[in-house]
Amino acid sequence: MEEENKLKDEPVVQFKSISDVVALQVKNPEIEEPLAEISGYDLRVSFNFKYLKSLEDVEIASAAIGDLFKQMMLEELLGKRKTE
């Protein structure tokens, strides 16, 4: 119930449908086709540089982000196959 009250008081933000959208793509250079896209309005990516102080830290964080996306892709892929 408290969650619903918070959402009722949530500020409304308006965006331009084309110029305000952020789109990032990973493309396959051999076929010039996107393999994945991250897009949305007010897309924010933040890094906690308090803990990212070395190349090794950045590589660990990058691998973890890759694992997160791999898990998301597999869940979607397997979910689609179940319904086909």
C-alpha atoms as a PDB file:
ATOM      1  CA  MET A   1       0.000   0.000   0.000  1.00  0.00           C
ATOM      2  CA  GLU A   2       2.848   2.399   0.858  1.00  0.00           C
ATOM      3  CA  GLU A   3       4.440   1.596  -2.516  1.00  0.00           C
ATOM      4  CA  GLU A   4       1.234   2.640  -4.317  1.00  0.00           C
ATOM      5  CA  ASN A   5       1.181   5.965  -2.464  1.00  0.00           C
ATOM      6  CA  LYS A   6       4.781   6.646  -3.508  1.00  0.00           C
ATOM      7  CA  LEU A   7       3.872   6.019  -7.139  1.00  0.00           C
ATOM      8  CA  LYS A   8       0.898   8.385  -6.961  1.00  0.00           C
ATOM      9  CA  ASP A   9       3.214  11.201  -5.872  1.00  0.00           C
ATOM     10  CA  GLU A  10       5.844  10.313  -8.445  1.00  0.00           C
ATOM     11  CA  PRO A  11       6.734  13.262 -10.707  1.00  0.00           C
ATOM     12  CA  VAL A  12       5.797  13.052 -14.372  1.00  0.00           C
ATOM     13  CA  VAL A  13       8.551  13.605 -16.934  1.00  0.00           C
ATOM     14  CA  GLN A  14       7.944  14.171 -20.632  1.00  0.00           C
ATOM     15  CA  PHE A  15      10.345  13.305 -23.424  1.00  0.00           C
ATOM     16  CA  LYS A  16      10.512  13.975 -27.152  1.00  0.00           C
ATOM     17  CA  SER A  17       9.813  10.662 -28.855  1.00  0.00           C
ATOM     18  CA  ILE A  18      12.797  10.754 -31.222  1.00  0.00           C
ATOM     19  CA  SER A  19      15.473  13.224 -30.155  1.00  0.00           C
ATOM     20  CA  ASP A  20      15.422  12.332 -26.448  1.00  0.00           C
ATOM     21  CA  VAL A  21      15.786   8.582 -26.821  1.00  0.00           C
ATOM     22  CA  VAL A  22      19.238   7.112 -26.216  1.00  0.00           C
ATOM     23  CA  ALA A  23      20.172   4.021 -28.219  1.00  0.00           C
ATOM     24  CA  LEU A  24      23.369   2.018 -27.858  1.00  0.00           C
ATOM     25  CA  GLN A  25      24.013  -0.920 -30.170  1.00  0.00           C
ATOM     26  CA  VAL A  26      26.416  -3.809 -30.382  1.00  0.00           C
ATOM     27  CA  LYS A  27      26.904  -4.687 -34.043  1.00  0.00           C
ATOM     28  CA  ASN A  28      28.400  -7.638 -35.817  1.00  0.00           C
ATOM     29  CA  PRO A  29      31.010  -6.001 -38.089  1.00  0.00           C
ATOM     30  CA  GLU A  30      30.832  -8.844 -40.616  1.00  0.00           C
ATOM     31  CA  ILE A  31      27.149  -8.382 -41.412  1.00  0.00           C
ATOM     32  CA  GLU A  32      26.634  -4.778 -40.228  1.00  0.00           C
ATOM     33  CA  GLU A  33      23.578  -5.825 -38.250  1.00  0.00           C
ATOM     34  CA  PRO A  34      22.853  -5.045 -34.607  1.00  0.00           C
ATOM     35  CA  LEU A  35      23.113  -7.981 -32.217  1.00  0.00           C
ATOM     36  CA  ALA A  36      21.769  -6.078 -29.225  1.00  0.00           C
ATOM     37  CA  GLU A  37      20.393  -2.654 -28.434  1.00  0.00           C
ATOM     38  CA  ILE A  38      19.929  -0.797 -25.185  1.00  0.00           C
ATOM     39  CA  SER A  39      17.557   2.115 -25.555  1.00  0.00           C
ATOM     40  CA  GLY A  40      15.277   4.293 -23.534  1.00  0.00           C
ATOM     41  CA  TYR A  41      14.571   7.729 -22.221  1.00  0.00           C
ATOM     42  CA  ASP A  42      16.715   9.167 -19.454  1.00  0.00           C
ATOM     43  CA  LEU A  43      19.033   6.203 -19.840  1.00  0.00           C
ATOM     44  CA  ARG A  44      21.633   6.413 -17.114  1.00  0.00           C
ATOM     45  CA  VAL A  45      24.701   4.331 -16.571  1.00  0.00           C
ATOM     46  CA  SER A  46      26.743   5.040 -13.489  1.00  0.00           C
ATOM     47  CA  PHE A  47      29.909   3.500 -12.160  1.00  0.00           C
ATOM     48  CA  ASN A  48      31.092   3.418  -8.563  1.00  0.00           C
ATOM     49  CA  PHE A  49      34.654   4.633  -9.002  1.00  0.00           C
ATOM     50  CA  LYS A  50      35.182   4.349  -5.270  1.00  0.00           C
ATOM     51  CA  TYR A  51      35.682   0.638  -5.981  1.00  0.00           C
ATOM     52  CA  LEU A  52      36.840   0.764  -9.615  1.00  0.00           C
ATOM     53  CA  LYS A  53      40.413   1.890  -9.172  1.00  0.00           C
ATOM     54  CA  SER A  54      42.412  -0.440 -11.387  1.00  0.00           C
ATOM     55  CA  LEU A  55      42.253  -2.126 -14.755  1.00  0.00           C
ATOM     56  CA  GLU A  56      41.598  -5.417 -12.940  1.00  0.00           C
ATOM     57  CA  ASP A  57      38.604  -3.872 -11.130  1.00  0.00           C
ATOM     58  CA  VAL A  58      37.228  -2.579 -14.443  1.00  0.00           C
ATOM     59  CA  GLU A  59      37.710  -5.977 -16.095  1.00  0.00           C
ATOM     60  CA  ILE A  60      35.885  -7.724 -13.235  1.00  0.00           C
ATOM     61  CA  ALA A  61      33.001  -5.237 -13.449  1.00  0.00           C
ATOM     62  CA  SER A  62      32.880  -5.569 -17.256  1.00  0.00           C
ATOM     63  CA  ALA A  63      32.748  -9.357 -17.005  1.00  0.00           C
ATOM     64  CA  ALA A  64      29.951  -9.119 -14.437  1.00  0.00           C
ATOM     65  CA  ILE A  65      27.968  -6.806 -16.747  1.00  0.00           C
ATOM     66  CA  GLY A  66      28.551  -9.269 -19.589  1.00  0.00           C
ATOM     67  CA  ASP A  67      27.294 -12.121 -17.397  1.00  0.00           C
ATOM     68  CA  LEU A  68      24.201 -10.097 -16.492  1.00  0.00           C
ATOM     69  CA  PHE A  69      23.373  -9.499 -20.143  1.00  0.00           C
ATOM     70  CA  LYS A  70      24.122 -13.116 -21.048  1.00  0.00           C
ATOM     71  CA  GLN A  71      21.659 -14.240 -18.391  1.00  0.00           C
ATOM     72  CA  MET A  72      19.021 -11.814 -19.706  1.00  0.00           C
ATOM     73  CA  MET A  73      19.525 -12.996 -23.307  1.00  0.00           C
ATOM     74  CA  LEU A  74      19.307 -16.659 -22.358  1.00  0.00           C
ATOM     75  CA  GLU A  75      16.176 -16.107 -20.282  1.00  0.00           C
ATOM     76  CA  GLU A  76      14.503 -14.330 -23.186  1.00  0.00           C
ATOM     77  CA  LEU A  77      15.703 -16.863 -25.742  1.00  0.00           C
ATOM     78  CA  LEU A  78      14.601 -19.842 -23.672  1.00  0.00           C
ATOM     79  CA  GLY A  79      11.311 -18.149 -22.822  1.00  0.00           C
ATOM     80  CA  LYS A  80      10.567 -17.604 -26.513  1.00  0.00           C
ATOM     81  CA  ARG A  81      11.414 -21.204 -27.367  1.00  0.00           C
ATOM     82  CA  LYS A  82       9.024 -22.505 -24.721  1.00  0.00           C
ATOM     83  CA  THR A  83       6.117 -20.664 -26.361  1.00  0.00           C
ATOM     84  CA  GLU A  84       6.946 -21.583 -29.982  1.00  0.00           C
END
